[in-house]
Amino acid sequence: MIQYSLKCENDHSFDSWFASADAYDKLADNGMVSCAVCGSTKVSKAIMAPRVRTTKGKEAPVAPTLPTEKSAAEQAMAKMRAQVEQNSEYVGTNFATEARSMHLGDAPERAIFGEAKPEEAKSLIEDGIPVTPLPFMPTRKSN
């Protein structure tokens, strides 16, 4: 396995692992490597610090590099999450039941969010109940 620091045409930086240098080249040449932030397939290797072995059999420890600022996508996601959590009620795993009850008029209409199994979500959509997946876990469930 080999880890590369990559950069897209929009100057987003990210890391990815590949089976080999040849595997990266084949994937990149076929447009199969995309930016983790914007999805661009115009990706190239960024400058990387080499991992040099200091003694036989031991690899020099590499300090993990974390972005100092959140990317635009992370900031937008955090803003969306705050908006949803502030303006709707978390109903947990009762989401499908609660959404159906509101649709049928058995429960008061309000903004809700929660969790549903894929088959529950599909059933809601097939019955014309407007739902959409959210791209994050509820704060209560995240570490």
N, C-alpha and C. Protein backbone atom coordinates (compact mmCIF):
# COMPACT_ATOMS: atom_id res chain seq x y z
N MET A 1 0.85 -1.18 0.00
CA MET A 1 0.00 0.00 0.00
C MET A 1 0.89 1.24 0.00
N ILE A 2 0.41 2.27 -0.67
CA ILE A 2 1.14 3.52 -0.72
C ILE A 2 0.15 4.67 -0.52
N GLN A 3 0.58 5.65 0.27
CA GLN A 3 -0.27 6.80 0.56
C GLN A 3 0.25 8.00 -0.22
N TYR A 4 -0.66 8.68 -0.90
CA TYR A 4 -0.29 9.88 -1.63
C TYR A 4 -1.06 11.08 -1.09
N SER A 5 -0.38 12.20 -1.04
CA SER A 5 -1.05 13.48 -0.79
C SER A 5 -1.45 13.97 -2.17
N LEU A 6 -2.73 14.29 -2.33
CA LEU A 6 -3.25 14.67 -3.63
C LEU A 6 -3.83 16.08 -3.59
N LYS A 7 -3.97 16.67 -4.77
CA LYS A 7 -4.49 18.02 -4.88
C LYS A 7 -5.32 18.09 -6.16
N CYS A 8 -6.49 18.72 -6.09
CA CYS A 8 -7.33 18.83 -7.29
C CYS A 8 -7.12 20.19 -7.96
N GLU A 9 -7.78 20.36 -9.09
CA GLU A 9 -7.66 21.60 -9.85
C GLU A 9 -8.18 22.81 -9.08
N ASN A 10 -9.02 22.57 -8.07
CA ASN A 10 -9.57 23.66 -7.26
C ASN A 10 -8.76 23.89 -5.99
N ASP A 11 -7.57 23.30 -5.94
CA ASP A 11 -6.62 23.50 -4.85
C ASP A 11 -7.05 22.86 -3.52
N HIS A 12 -7.92 21.84 -3.58
CA HIS A 12 -8.28 21.09 -2.38
C HIS A 12 -7.22 20.01 -2.17
N SER A 13 -6.76 19.84 -0.94
CA SER A 13 -5.76 18.83 -0.62
C SER A 13 -6.40 17.69 0.16
N PHE A 14 -5.99 16.46 -0.14
CA PHE A 14 -6.49 15.30 0.59
C PHE A 14 -5.50 14.15 0.40
N ASP A 15 -5.60 13.13 1.25
CA ASP A 15 -4.73 11.96 1.18
C ASP A 15 -5.55 10.76 0.75
N SER A 16 -4.90 9.80 0.09
CA SER A 16 -5.57 8.57 -0.28
C SER A 16 -4.54 7.45 -0.38
N TRP A 17 -5.00 6.23 -0.15
CA TRP A 17 -4.14 5.04 -0.20
C TRP A 17 -4.41 4.28 -1.49
N PHE A 18 -3.34 3.69 -2.05
CA PHE A 18 -3.45 2.91 -3.27
C PHE A 18 -2.65 1.63 -3.11
N ALA A 19 -3.01 0.60 -3.86
CA ALA A 19 -2.32 -0.68 -3.77
C ALA A 19 -0.86 -0.55 -4.20
N SER A 20 -0.60 0.32 -5.17
CA SER A 20 0.76 0.53 -5.66
C SER A 20 0.79 1.83 -6.45
N ALA A 21 2.00 2.24 -6.84
CA ALA A 21 2.14 3.44 -7.66
C ALA A 21 1.46 3.22 -9.02
N ASP A 22 1.59 2.00 -9.57
CA ASP A 22 0.94 1.68 -10.84
C ASP A 22 -0.58 1.75 -10.71
N ALA A 23 -1.09 1.27 -9.58
CA ALA A 23 -2.55 1.31 -9.36
C ALA A 23 -3.04 2.75 -9.37
N TYR A 24 -2.30 3.65 -8.70
CA TYR A 24 -2.69 5.06 -8.71
C TYR A 24 -2.69 5.59 -10.14
N ASP A 25 -1.60 5.32 -10.89
CA ASP A 25 -1.48 5.83 -12.25
C ASP A 25 -2.65 5.36 -13.13
N LYS A 26 -3.00 4.07 -13.03
CA LYS A 26 -4.10 3.54 -13.84
C LYS A 26 -5.43 4.21 -13.46
N LEU A 27 -5.67 4.32 -12.17
CA LEU A 27 -6.92 4.94 -11.71
C LEU A 27 -6.99 6.41 -12.12
N ALA A 28 -5.90 7.13 -11.92
CA ALA A 28 -5.88 8.56 -12.26
C ALA A 28 -6.04 8.77 -13.77
N ASP A 29 -5.36 7.94 -14.57
CA ASP A 29 -5.45 8.06 -16.03
C ASP A 29 -6.87 7.81 -16.54
N ASN A 30 -7.64 7.00 -15.83
CA ASN A 30 -9.01 6.68 -16.24
C ASN A 30 -10.06 7.53 -15.54
N GLY A 31 -9.61 8.60 -14.84
CA GLY A 31 -10.55 9.50 -14.18
C GLY A 31 -11.26 8.88 -12.99
N MET A 32 -10.63 7.89 -12.37
CA MET A 32 -11.26 7.18 -11.25
C MET A 32 -10.82 7.72 -9.89
N VAL A 33 -9.93 8.71 -9.87
CA VAL A 33 -9.52 9.34 -8.62
C VAL A 33 -10.18 10.71 -8.59
N SER A 34 -10.97 10.96 -7.56
CA SER A 34 -11.68 12.24 -7.50
C SER A 34 -11.43 12.94 -6.17
N CYS A 35 -11.57 14.24 -6.19
CA CYS A 35 -11.37 15.07 -5.00
C CYS A 35 -12.41 14.72 -3.95
N ALA A 36 -11.96 14.58 -2.72
CA ALA A 36 -12.86 14.24 -1.62
C ALA A 36 -13.77 15.41 -1.26
N VAL A 37 -13.44 16.62 -1.69
CA VAL A 37 -14.23 17.81 -1.35
C VAL A 37 -15.20 18.18 -2.46
N CYS A 38 -14.69 18.34 -3.69
CA CYS A 38 -15.54 18.85 -4.77
C CYS A 38 -15.88 17.82 -5.85
N GLY A 39 -15.22 16.67 -5.83
CA GLY A 39 -15.52 15.62 -6.80
C GLY A 39 -14.78 15.74 -8.12
N SER A 40 -13.93 16.74 -8.28
CA SER A 40 -13.17 16.91 -9.52
C SER A 40 -12.28 15.70 -9.76
N THR A 41 -12.19 15.27 -11.02
CA THR A 41 -11.31 14.15 -11.35
C THR A 41 -9.96 14.63 -11.90
N LYS A 42 -9.76 15.94 -11.92
CA LYS A 42 -8.46 16.49 -12.33
C LYS A 42 -7.61 16.59 -11.07
N VAL A 43 -6.97 15.47 -10.74
CA VAL A 43 -6.23 15.32 -9.49
C VAL A 43 -4.77 15.01 -9.81
N SER A 44 -3.87 15.57 -9.02
CA SER A 44 -2.45 15.27 -9.19
C SER A 44 -1.81 15.07 -7.82
N LYS A 45 -0.63 14.47 -7.84
CA LYS A 45 0.09 14.26 -6.59
C LYS A 45 0.62 15.60 -6.09
N ALA A 46 0.52 15.81 -4.79
CA ALA A 46 1.05 17.02 -4.17
C ALA A 46 2.44 16.70 -3.62
N ILE A 47 3.16 17.72 -3.24
CA ILE A 47 4.48 17.51 -2.64
C ILE A 47 4.29 16.80 -1.31
N MET A 48 5.09 15.74 -1.11
CA MET A 48 4.96 14.94 0.10
C MET A 48 6.31 14.83 0.79
N ALA A 49 6.28 14.70 2.10
CA ALA A 49 7.50 14.45 2.86
C ALA A 49 7.79 12.95 2.78
N PRO A 50 9.01 12.59 2.44
CA PRO A 50 9.33 11.16 2.36
C PRO A 50 9.37 10.51 3.74
N ARG A 51 9.07 9.24 3.77
CA ARG A 51 9.20 8.48 5.02
C ARG A 51 10.55 7.77 4.95
N VAL A 52 11.48 8.27 5.69
CA VAL A 52 12.84 7.74 5.67
C VAL A 52 13.05 6.86 6.89
N ARG A 53 13.61 5.69 6.67
CA ARG A 53 13.91 4.80 7.79
C ARG A 53 15.19 5.28 8.47
N THR A 54 15.11 5.45 9.78
CA THR A 54 16.28 5.94 10.51
C THR A 54 17.19 4.80 10.93
N THR A 55 16.62 3.66 11.22
CA THR A 55 17.41 2.47 11.54
C THR A 55 16.80 1.31 10.80
N LYS A 56 17.56 0.27 10.63
CA LYS A 56 17.09 -0.87 9.88
C LYS A 56 15.81 -1.43 10.50
N GLY A 57 14.77 -1.52 9.67
CA GLY A 57 13.52 -2.12 10.13
C GLY A 57 12.57 -1.16 10.82
N LYS A 58 13.03 0.06 11.14
CA LYS A 58 12.14 1.00 11.80
C LYS A 58 11.90 2.19 10.89
N GLU A 59 10.66 2.56 10.80
CA GLU A 59 10.29 3.70 9.98
C GLU A 59 10.15 4.92 10.87
N ALA A 60 10.59 6.05 10.38
CA ALA A 60 10.49 7.29 11.16
C ALA A 60 9.02 7.62 11.38
N PRO A 61 8.65 7.99 12.60
CA PRO A 61 7.25 8.34 12.84
C PRO A 61 6.88 9.61 12.07
N VAL A 62 5.70 9.59 11.52
CA VAL A 62 5.22 10.73 10.76
C VAL A 62 4.06 11.36 11.53
N ALA A 63 4.21 12.63 11.81
CA ALA A 63 3.14 13.34 12.52
C ALA A 63 1.96 13.50 11.58
N PRO A 64 0.77 13.17 12.04
CA PRO A 64 -0.39 13.33 11.17
C PRO A 64 -0.63 14.81 10.86
N THR A 65 -0.99 15.06 9.64
CA THR A 65 -1.28 16.44 9.25
C THR A 65 -2.78 16.61 9.14
N LEU A 66 -3.31 17.48 9.95
CA LEU A 66 -4.73 17.79 9.92
C LEU A 66 -4.91 19.21 9.41
N PRO A 67 -5.94 19.43 8.64
CA PRO A 67 -6.16 20.79 8.16
C PRO A 67 -6.41 21.73 9.34
N THR A 68 -5.83 22.92 9.26
CA THR A 68 -6.00 23.88 10.35
C THR A 68 -7.37 24.52 10.31
N GLU A 69 -7.94 24.64 9.13
CA GLU A 69 -9.27 25.22 8.99
C GLU A 69 -10.19 24.21 8.32
N LYS A 70 -11.46 24.32 8.61
CA LYS A 70 -12.43 23.44 7.95
C LYS A 70 -12.59 23.90 6.51
N SER A 71 -12.76 22.92 5.63
CA SER A 71 -12.97 23.25 4.22
C SER A 71 -14.34 23.90 4.05
N ALA A 72 -14.55 24.47 2.88
CA ALA A 72 -15.85 25.10 2.60
C ALA A 72 -16.97 24.08 2.72
N ALA A 73 -16.73 22.86 2.26
CA ALA A 73 -17.75 21.81 2.35
C ALA A 73 -18.06 21.47 3.80
N GLU A 74 -17.01 21.37 4.64
CA GLU A 74 -17.22 21.07 6.06
C GLU A 74 -17.97 22.20 6.76
N GLN A 75 -17.65 23.43 6.40
CA GLN A 75 -18.34 24.58 6.99
C GLN A 75 -19.82 24.59 6.59
N ALA A 76 -20.09 24.31 5.32
CA ALA A 76 -21.48 24.27 4.84
C ALA A 76 -22.25 23.15 5.53
N MET A 77 -21.59 22.00 5.71
CA MET A 77 -22.24 20.86 6.37
C MET A 77 -22.55 21.20 7.82
N ALA A 78 -21.63 21.85 8.51
CA ALA A 78 -21.85 22.23 9.91
C ALA A 78 -23.00 23.23 10.01
N LYS A 79 -23.07 24.16 9.06
CA LYS A 79 -24.15 25.16 9.06
C LYS A 79 -25.50 24.48 8.83
N MET A 80 -25.53 23.53 7.88
CA MET A 80 -26.77 22.81 7.60
C MET A 80 -27.21 22.00 8.82
N ARG A 81 -26.26 21.34 9.45
CA ARG A 81 -26.56 20.52 10.63
C ARG A 81 -27.15 21.40 11.74
N ALA A 82 -26.53 22.54 12.00
CA ALA A 82 -27.01 23.45 13.04
C ALA A 82 -28.43 23.93 12.72
N GLN A 83 -28.67 24.26 11.45
CA GLN A 83 -29.99 24.73 11.02
C GLN A 83 -31.05 23.64 11.25
N VAL A 84 -30.74 22.41 10.84
CA VAL A 84 -31.69 21.31 11.00
C VAL A 84 -31.96 21.05 12.48
N GLU A 85 -30.90 20.96 13.29
CA GLU A 85 -31.07 20.65 14.70
C GLU A 85 -31.78 21.77 15.47
N GLN A 86 -31.58 23.01 15.03
CA GLN A 86 -32.20 24.14 15.72
C GLN A 86 -33.68 24.30 15.36
N ASN A 87 -34.04 23.94 14.14
CA ASN A 87 -35.40 24.21 13.66
C ASN A 87 -36.28 22.98 13.48
N SER A 88 -35.83 21.82 13.93
CA SER A 88 -36.67 20.63 13.83
C SER A 88 -36.51 19.75 15.05
N GLU A 89 -37.42 18.83 15.18
CA GLU A 89 -37.45 17.94 16.34
C GLU A 89 -36.83 16.59 15.98
N TYR A 90 -35.90 16.13 16.80
CA TYR A 90 -35.29 14.82 16.59
C TYR A 90 -36.23 13.75 17.14
N VAL A 91 -36.66 12.83 16.26
CA VAL A 91 -37.59 11.78 16.68
C VAL A 91 -36.92 10.41 16.69
N GLY A 92 -35.62 10.38 16.48
CA GLY A 92 -34.86 9.13 16.58
C GLY A 92 -35.30 8.08 15.58
N THR A 93 -35.37 6.84 16.07
CA THR A 93 -35.71 5.72 15.19
C THR A 93 -37.21 5.66 14.89
N ASN A 94 -37.98 6.56 15.47
CA ASN A 94 -39.42 6.63 15.18
C ASN A 94 -39.72 7.52 13.98
N PHE A 95 -38.69 7.87 13.21
CA PHE A 95 -38.88 8.82 12.11
C PHE A 95 -39.96 8.36 11.13
N ALA A 96 -39.87 7.14 10.64
CA ALA A 96 -40.82 6.66 9.62
C ALA A 96 -42.25 6.68 10.16
N THR A 97 -42.43 6.21 11.37
CA THR A 97 -43.77 6.19 11.98
C THR A 97 -44.30 7.60 12.15
N GLU A 98 -43.45 8.49 12.65
CA GLU A 98 -43.87 9.88 12.89
C GLU A 98 -44.19 10.60 11.58
N ALA A 99 -43.36 10.41 10.56
CA ALA A 99 -43.59 11.05 9.25
C ALA A 99 -44.91 10.55 8.65
N ARG A 100 -45.15 9.25 8.74
CA ARG A 100 -46.39 8.69 8.21
C ARG A 100 -47.61 9.23 8.98
N SER A 101 -47.50 9.32 10.31
CA SER A 101 -48.60 9.84 11.13
C SER A 101 -48.92 11.29 10.76
N MET A 102 -47.89 12.10 10.53
CA MET A 102 -48.12 13.49 10.13
C MET A 102 -48.79 13.54 8.76
N HIS A 103 -48.33 12.70 7.84
CA HIS A 103 -48.89 12.66 6.49
C HIS A 103 -50.37 12.28 6.51
N LEU A 104 -50.73 11.37 7.40
CA LEU A 104 -52.12 10.91 7.50
C LEU A 104 -52.99 11.84 8.35
N GLY A 105 -52.37 12.83 8.99
CA GLY A 105 -53.11 13.77 9.82
C GLY A 105 -53.32 13.29 11.24
N ASP A 106 -52.66 12.21 11.63
CA ASP A 106 -52.79 11.67 12.99
C ASP A 106 -51.87 12.37 13.99
N ALA A 107 -50.91 13.12 13.49
CA ALA A 107 -49.97 13.85 14.36
C ALA A 107 -49.83 15.26 13.80
N PRO A 108 -49.55 16.24 14.66
CA PRO A 108 -49.41 17.62 14.16
C PRO A 108 -48.20 17.75 13.23
N GLU A 109 -48.38 18.55 12.17
CA GLU A 109 -47.27 18.76 11.22
C GLU A 109 -46.21 19.64 11.86
N ARG A 110 -44.97 19.24 11.69
CA ARG A 110 -43.82 19.98 12.19
C ARG A 110 -42.58 19.45 11.48
N ALA A 111 -41.51 20.20 11.58
CA ALA A 111 -40.25 19.76 10.99
C ALA A 111 -39.63 18.71 11.91
N ILE A 112 -39.32 17.54 11.34
CA ILE A 112 -38.70 16.48 12.14
C ILE A 112 -37.48 15.93 11.41
N PHE A 113 -36.60 15.30 12.16
CA PHE A 113 -35.52 14.53 11.56
C PHE A 113 -35.25 13.36 12.48
N GLY A 114 -34.68 12.32 11.91
CA GLY A 114 -34.41 11.12 12.70
C GLY A 114 -33.77 10.06 11.83
N GLU A 115 -34.01 8.83 12.19
CA GLU A 115 -33.37 7.71 11.50
C GLU A 115 -34.42 6.76 10.96
N ALA A 116 -34.15 6.24 9.77
CA ALA A 116 -35.05 5.26 9.16
C ALA A 116 -34.20 4.22 8.44
N LYS A 117 -34.68 3.00 8.45
CA LYS A 117 -34.02 1.94 7.70
C LYS A 117 -34.29 2.20 6.22
N PRO A 118 -33.40 1.73 5.33
CA PRO A 118 -33.60 1.98 3.90
C PRO A 118 -34.98 1.56 3.40
N GLU A 119 -35.46 0.40 3.85
CA GLU A 119 -36.78 -0.05 3.38
C GLU A 119 -37.90 0.86 3.90
N GLU A 120 -37.74 1.43 5.09
CA GLU A 120 -38.73 2.37 5.62
C GLU A 120 -38.75 3.65 4.79
N ALA A 121 -37.56 4.17 4.48
CA ALA A 121 -37.47 5.40 3.68
C ALA A 121 -38.06 5.17 2.29
N LYS A 122 -37.77 4.02 1.69
CA LYS A 122 -38.30 3.71 0.36
C LYS A 122 -39.83 3.65 0.40
N SER A 123 -40.38 3.05 1.43
CA SER A 123 -41.83 2.95 1.58
C SER A 123 -42.46 4.33 1.72
N LEU A 124 -41.82 5.22 2.50
CA LEU A 124 -42.33 6.58 2.65
C LEU A 124 -42.37 7.29 1.30
N ILE A 125 -41.30 7.18 0.55
CA ILE A 125 -41.21 7.84 -0.76
C ILE A 125 -42.26 7.28 -1.72
N GLU A 126 -42.41 5.94 -1.73
CA GLU A 126 -43.40 5.31 -2.61
C GLU A 126 -44.82 5.76 -2.27
N ASP A 127 -45.06 6.08 -1.00
CA ASP A 127 -46.39 6.53 -0.56
C ASP A 127 -46.57 8.04 -0.72
N GLY A 128 -45.59 8.72 -1.33
CA GLY A 128 -45.71 10.15 -1.59
C GLY A 128 -45.42 11.04 -0.39
N ILE A 129 -44.76 10.49 0.60
CA ILE A 129 -44.42 11.26 1.80
C ILE A 129 -43.04 11.89 1.56
N PRO A 130 -42.96 13.23 1.56
CA PRO A 130 -41.68 13.88 1.23
C PRO A 130 -40.64 13.71 2.34
N VAL A 131 -39.57 13.00 2.01
CA VAL A 131 -38.44 12.81 2.92
C VAL A 131 -37.16 12.94 2.12
N THR A 132 -36.08 13.24 2.80
CA THR A 132 -34.77 13.31 2.15
C THR A 132 -33.71 12.87 3.14
N PRO A 133 -32.68 12.18 2.67
CA PRO A 133 -31.61 11.79 3.59
C PRO A 133 -30.74 12.99 3.94
N LEU A 134 -30.26 13.01 5.16
CA LEU A 134 -29.34 14.07 5.60
C LEU A 134 -27.93 13.51 5.58
N PRO A 135 -26.95 14.31 5.17
CA PRO A 135 -25.58 13.82 5.03
C PRO A 135 -24.78 13.85 6.33
N PHE A 136 -25.43 13.64 7.46
CA PHE A 136 -24.71 13.63 8.73
C PHE A 136 -25.50 12.83 9.76
N MET A 137 -24.80 12.40 10.80
CA MET A 137 -25.44 11.70 11.91
C MET A 137 -25.92 12.75 12.91
N PRO A 138 -26.98 12.45 13.66
CA PRO A 138 -27.41 13.38 14.71
C PRO A 138 -26.29 13.59 15.72
N THR A 139 -26.23 14.79 16.30
CA THR A 139 -25.19 15.11 17.27
C THR A 139 -25.17 14.09 18.40
N ARG A 140 -26.34 13.63 18.80
CA ARG A 140 -26.42 12.67 19.90
C ARG A 140 -25.69 11.37 19.60
N LYS A 141 -25.50 11.04 18.30
CA LYS A 141 -24.89 9.77 17.93
C LYS A 141 -23.44 9.91 17.48
N SER A 142 -22.94 11.11 17.34
CA SER A 142 -21.56 11.28 16.87
C SER A 142 -20.61 11.33 18.05
N ASN A 143 -19.38 10.92 17.80
CA ASN A 143 -18.37 10.90 18.87
C ASN A 143 -17.82 12.26 19.15
